[in-house]
C-alpha atoms as a PDB file:
ATOM      1  CA  MET A   1     115.076 100.558 133.791  1.00  0.00           C
ATOM      2  CA  THR A   2     112.476 102.989 135.170  1.00  0.00           C
ATOM      3  CA  ASP A   3     109.318 101.873 136.956  1.00  0.00           C
ATOM      4  CA  HIS A   4     107.332 102.967 133.905  1.00  0.00           C
ATOM      5  CA  GLN A   5     109.494 100.876 131.574  1.00  0.00           C
ATOM      6  CA  VAL A   6     109.101  97.841 133.851  1.00  0.00           C
ATOM      7  CA  ALA A   7     105.330  98.341 133.914  1.00  0.00           C
ATOM      8  CA  LEU A   8     105.283  98.722 130.140  1.00  0.00           C
ATOM      9  CA  LEU A   9     107.330  95.561 129.669  1.00  0.00           C
ATOM     10  CA  GLU A  10     104.951  93.674 131.976  1.00  0.00           C
ATOM     11  CA  LEU A  11     101.996  95.033 129.965  1.00  0.00           C
ATOM     12  CA  VAL A  12     103.569  93.854 126.729  1.00  0.00           C
ATOM     13  CA  CYS A  13     104.270  90.419 128.155  1.00  0.00           C
ATOM     14  CA  LEU A  14     100.675  90.164 129.380  1.00  0.00           C
ATOM     15  CA  SER A  15      99.407  91.356 126.007  1.00  0.00           C
ATOM     16  CA  VAL A  16     101.486  88.782 124.189  1.00  0.00           C
ATOM     17  CA  GLU A  17     100.411  86.036 126.577  1.00  0.00           C
ATOM     18  CA  SER A  18      96.727  86.959 126.332  1.00  0.00           C
ATOM     19  CA  ALA A  19      96.988  87.173 122.556  1.00  0.00           C
ATOM     20  CA  ALA A  20      99.012  83.975 122.260  1.00  0.00           C
ATOM     21  CA  VAL A  21      96.111  82.251 120.572  1.00  0.00           C
ATOM     22  CA  THR A  22      96.256  84.716 117.703  1.00  0.00           C
ATOM     23  CA  ILE A  23      99.934  85.779 117.617  1.00  0.00           C
ATOM     24  CA  ASP A  24     101.560  82.884 115.839  1.00  0.00           C
ATOM     25  CA  SER A  25     105.231  83.747 115.421  1.00  0.00           C
ATOM     26  CA  ALA A  26     105.772  81.090 112.737  1.00  0.00           C
ATOM     27  CA  LEU A  27     102.762  82.339 110.786  1.00  0.00           C
ATOM     28  CA  ILE A  28     103.898  85.962 111.055  1.00  0.00           C
ATOM     29  CA  LYS A  29     107.325  84.967 109.777  1.00  0.00           C
ATOM     30  CA  SER A  30     106.057  82.760 106.944  1.00  0.00           C
ATOM     31  CA  SER A  31     103.527  85.326 105.742  1.00  0.00           C
ATOM     32  CA  PHE A  32     106.217  88.012 105.863  1.00  0.00           C
ATOM     33  CA  ALA A  33     108.576  85.781 103.882  1.00  0.00           C
ATOM     34  CA  ALA A  34     105.874  85.541 101.206  1.00  0.00           C
ATOM     35  CA  VAL A  35     105.797  89.332 100.772  1.00  0.00           C
ATOM     36  CA  GLU A  36     109.403  90.219 101.612  1.00  0.00           C
ATOM     37  CA  PRO A  37     110.622  90.297  97.980  1.00  0.00           C
ATOM     38  CA  ARG A  38     107.984  92.968  97.320  1.00  0.00           C
ATOM     39  CA  GLY A  39     108.814  95.302 100.200  1.00  0.00           C
ATOM     40  CA  SER A  40     108.746  98.496  98.166  1.00  0.00           C
ATOM     41  CA  GLU A  41     105.300  97.578  96.863  1.00  0.00           C
ATOM     42  CA  ILE A  42     104.071  97.122 100.431  1.00  0.00           C
ATOM     43  CA  THR A  43     105.377 100.489 101.597  1.00  0.00           C
ATOM     44  CA  THR A  44     104.067 102.287  98.513  1.00  0.00           C
ATOM     45  CA  TYR A  45     100.631 100.726  98.984  1.00  0.00           C
ATOM     46  CA  PHE A  46     100.735 101.464 102.724  1.00  0.00           C
ATOM     47  CA  TYR A  47     101.269 105.204 102.283  1.00  0.00           C
ATOM     48  CA  ALA A  48      98.777 105.478  99.410  1.00  0.00           C
ATOM     49  CA  HIS A  49      96.157 103.727 101.554  1.00  0.00           C
ATOM     50  CA  LEU A  50      96.996 105.760 104.655  1.00  0.00           C
ATOM     51  CA  PHE A  51      96.756 109.115 102.877  1.00  0.00           C
ATOM     52  CA  GLU A  52      93.660 108.173 100.877  1.00  0.00           C
ATOM     53  CA  HIS A  53      91.741 107.149 104.001  1.00  0.00           C
ATOM     54  CA  ASN A  54      93.316 109.674 106.386  1.00  0.00           C
ATOM     55  CA  PRO A  55      94.311 112.761 104.393  1.00  0.00           C
ATOM     56  CA  ASP A  56      94.862 114.769 107.584  1.00  0.00           C
ATOM     57  CA  VAL A  57      98.007 112.755 108.408  1.00  0.00           C
ATOM     58  CA  ARG A  58      99.727 113.616 105.104  1.00  0.00           C
ATOM     59  CA  LYS A  59     101.068 116.834 106.639  1.00  0.00           C
ATOM     60  CA  LEU A  60     103.117 114.789 109.130  1.00  0.00           C
ATOM     61  CA  PHE A  61     105.305 113.414 106.329  1.00  0.00           C
ATOM     62  CA  ALA A  62     107.877 114.833 103.949  1.00  0.00           C
ATOM     63  CA  GLU A  63     106.765 115.441 100.373  1.00  0.00           C
ATOM     64  CA  HIS A  64     108.970 112.637  99.072  1.00  0.00           C
ATOM     65  CA  LEU A  65     108.555 109.357 100.900  1.00  0.00           C
ATOM     66  CA  ASP A  66     111.515 107.316  99.660  1.00  0.00           C
ATOM     67  CA  GLU A  67     113.476 107.497 102.925  1.00  0.00           C
ATOM     68  CA  GLN A  68     110.321 107.061 104.995  1.00  0.00           C
ATOM     69  CA  GLN A  69     109.385 103.959 103.021  1.00  0.00           C
ATOM     70  CA  ASP A  70     112.862 102.534 103.604  1.00  0.00           C
ATOM     71  CA  ARG A  71     112.571 103.215 107.357  1.00  0.00           C
ATOM     72  CA  LEU A  72     109.132 101.594 107.504  1.00  0.00           C
ATOM     73  CA  TRP A  73     110.414  98.511 105.721  1.00  0.00           C
ATOM     74  CA  ALA A  74     113.461  98.311 107.988  1.00  0.00           C
ATOM     75  CA  ALA A  75     111.227  98.556 111.076  1.00  0.00           C
ATOM     76  CA  LEU A  76     108.907  95.817 109.812  1.00  0.00           C
ATOM     77  CA  THR A  77     111.844  93.584 108.951  1.00  0.00           C
ATOM     78  CA  THR A  78     113.371  94.105 112.396  1.00  0.00           C
ATOM     79  CA  LEU A  79     110.036  93.418 114.080  1.00  0.00           C
ATOM     80  CA  VAL A  80     109.617  90.118 112.261  1.00  0.00           C
ATOM     81  CA  ASP A  81     113.273  89.072 112.548  1.00  0.00           C
ATOM     82  CA  LYS A  82     113.344  89.756 116.305  1.00  0.00           C
ATOM     83  CA  LEU A  83     109.777  88.692 117.044  1.00  0.00           C
ATOM     84  CA  ASP A  84     110.845  86.052 119.550  1.00  0.00           C
ATOM     85  CA  ASP A  85     113.191  88.454 121.382  1.00  0.00           C
ATOM     86  CA  THR A  86     110.750  90.459 123.520  1.00  0.00           C
ATOM     87  CA  ASP A  87     113.397  92.720 125.078  1.00  0.00           C
ATOM     88  CA  THR A  88     114.729  93.800 121.685  1.00  0.00           C
ATOM     89  CA  VAL A  89     111.265  94.280 120.204  1.00  0.00           C
ATOM     90  CA  VAL A  90     110.145  96.391 123.160  1.00  0.00           C
ATOM     91  CA  ALA A  91     113.302  98.526 122.986  1.00  0.00           C
ATOM     92  CA  VAL A  92     112.899  99.092 119.239  1.00  0.00           C
ATOM     93  CA  LEU A  93     109.200  99.941 119.555  1.00  0.00           C
ATOM     94  CA  GLN A  94     109.786 102.300 122.468  1.00  0.00           C
ATOM     95  CA  GLY A  95     112.457 104.102 120.442  1.00  0.00           C
ATOM     96  CA  LEU A  96     110.075 104.384 117.505  1.00  0.00           C
ATOM     97  CA  GLY A  97     107.334 105.699 119.774  1.00  0.00           C
ATOM     98  CA  ARG A  98     109.597 108.368 121.257  1.00  0.00           C
ATOM     99  CA  ARG A  99     110.778 109.469 117.807  1.00  0.00           C
ATOM    100  CA  HIS A 100     107.223 109.639 116.497  1.00  0.00           C
ATOM    101  CA  ALA A 101     106.294 112.026 119.309  1.00  0.00           C
ATOM    102  CA  GLY A 102     108.735 114.476 117.744  1.00  0.00           C
ATOM    103  CA  TYR A 103     107.046 114.088 114.362  1.00  0.00           C
ATOM    104  CA  GLY A 104     103.650 115.105 115.737  1.00  0.00           C
ATOM    105  CA  ALA A 105     102.158 111.613 115.735  1.00  0.00           C
ATOM    106  CA  LEU A 106      99.334 110.955 118.176  1.00  0.00           C
ATOM    107  CA  PRO A 107      98.017 107.751 119.740  1.00  0.00           C
ATOM    108  CA  ALA A 108      94.834 108.414 117.761  1.00  0.00           C
ATOM    109  CA  HIS A 109      96.808 107.768 114.542  1.00  0.00           C
ATOM    110  CA  PHE A 110      97.629 104.165 115.443  1.00  0.00           C
ATOM    111  CA  PRO A 111      94.329 102.596 114.290  1.00  0.00           C
ATOM    112  CA  ALA A 112      94.683 104.221 110.853  1.00  0.00           C
ATOM    113  CA  VAL A 113      98.291 103.073 110.555  1.00  0.00           C
ATOM    114  CA  GLY A 114      97.308  99.546 111.557  1.00  0.00           C
ATOM    115  CA  ALA A 115      94.484  99.425 109.037  1.00  0.00           C
ATOM    116  CA  SER A 116      96.804 100.609 106.272  1.00  0.00           C
ATOM    117  CA  LEU A 117      99.537  98.152 107.236  1.00  0.00           C
ATOM    118  CA  LEU A 118      97.121  95.224 107.223  1.00  0.00           C
ATOM    119  CA  ALA A 119      95.640  96.387 103.914  1.00  0.00           C
ATOM    120  CA  ALA A 120      99.107  96.621 102.349  1.00  0.00           C
ATOM    121  CA  LEU A 121     100.154  93.185 103.577  1.00  0.00           C
ATOM    122  CA  ALA A 122      96.875  91.641 102.386  1.00  0.00           C
ATOM    123  CA  HIS A 123      97.145  93.348  98.997  1.00  0.00           C
ATOM    124  CA  VAL A 124     100.656  92.111  98.339  1.00  0.00           C
ATOM    125  CA  ALA A 125     100.343  88.668  99.977  1.00  0.00           C
ATOM    126  CA  GLY A 126      97.375  87.574  97.883  1.00  0.00           C
ATOM    127  CA  ASP A 127      96.497  83.952  98.671  1.00  0.00           C
ATOM    128  CA  ALA A 128      99.164  83.816 101.399  1.00  0.00           C
ATOM    129  CA  TRP A 129      96.984  86.220 103.411  1.00  0.00           C
ATOM    130  CA  THR A 130      94.755  83.803 105.258  1.00  0.00           C
ATOM    131  CA  PRO A 131      92.299  84.565 108.073  1.00  0.00           C
ATOM    132  CA  ALA A 132      94.829  83.112 110.509  1.00  0.00           C
ATOM    133  CA  ALA A 133      97.606  85.350 109.136  1.00  0.00           C
ATOM    134  CA  GLU A 134      95.348  88.373 109.412  1.00  0.00           C
ATOM    135  CA  ALA A 135      94.433  87.481 113.005  1.00  0.00           C
ATOM    136  CA  SER A 136      98.102  87.070 113.941  1.00  0.00           C
ATOM    137  CA  TRP A 137      99.138  90.345 112.322  1.00  0.00           C
ATOM    138  CA  THR A 138      96.182  92.152 113.897  1.00  0.00           C
ATOM    139  CA  ALA A 139      97.132  90.899 117.354  1.00  0.00           C
ATOM    140  CA  LEU A 140     100.793  91.733 116.762  1.00  0.00           C
ATOM    141  CA  TYR A 141      99.925  95.241 115.627  1.00  0.00           C
ATOM    142  CA  GLY A 142      97.858  95.676 118.791  1.00  0.00           C
ATOM    143  CA  VAL A 143     100.993  95.043 120.851  1.00  0.00           C
ATOM    144  CA  VAL A 144     103.028  97.341 118.581  1.00  0.00           C
ATOM    145  CA  ALA A 145     100.481 100.135 119.029  1.00  0.00           C
ATOM    146  CA  GLU A 146     100.421  99.657 122.816  1.00  0.00           C
ATOM    147  CA  VAL A 147     104.184  99.826 123.195  1.00  0.00           C
ATOM    148  CA  MET A 148     104.779 102.625 120.712  1.00  0.00           C
ATOM    149  CA  GLY A 149     101.761 104.546 121.962  1.00  0.00           C
ATOM    150  CA  GLY A 150     102.942 104.317 125.558  1.00  0.00           C
ATOM    151  CA  ALA A 151     106.415 105.571 124.665  1.00  0.00           C
ATOM    152  CA  LEU A 152     104.979 108.282 122.407  1.00  0.00           C
ATOM    153  CA  THR A 153     102.692 109.530 125.182  1.00  0.00           C
ATOM    154  CA  GLU A 154     105.485 109.457 127.743  1.00  0.00           C
ATOM    155  CA  ALA A 155     107.802 111.412 125.408  1.00  0.00           C
ATOM    156  CA  ALA A 156     105.109 113.943 124.515  1.00  0.00           C
ATOM    157  CA  THR A 157     104.200 114.625 128.142  1.00  0.00           C
ATOM    158  CA  GLY A 158     107.769 114.820 129.189  1.00  0.00           C
END
């Protein structure tokens, strides 16, 4: 593991510890279980929301989103399933960050993606989307953005 990867892992651990009040693993998992049967609806809503509110990012994606929606859903499922396994989550997120550098993604895109993800989850979850669930998902996405953004920046700068 490189010094940068060690520093990134320490940052993630600190982020998780400092956000422990709002990242509730059980709540993340239970709220995800409530929406899991409607995964395709979440990904469809996510991309519609993202492109409606951020039309400039549309050019980063293929015309047809079926495969992209499947990859997004698989990534979310892995994140939730492995939420308590920090090493695995960090490795997955770093890989995603590096790959997204090749797609032309920028750290500046992460807030828009987070807003669209939260909007999609809230839309599909209905009453299962409580203020506590939103706080947990918001804190979790903050860690996701940090880890992916760090790996994306490192990959883009070489």
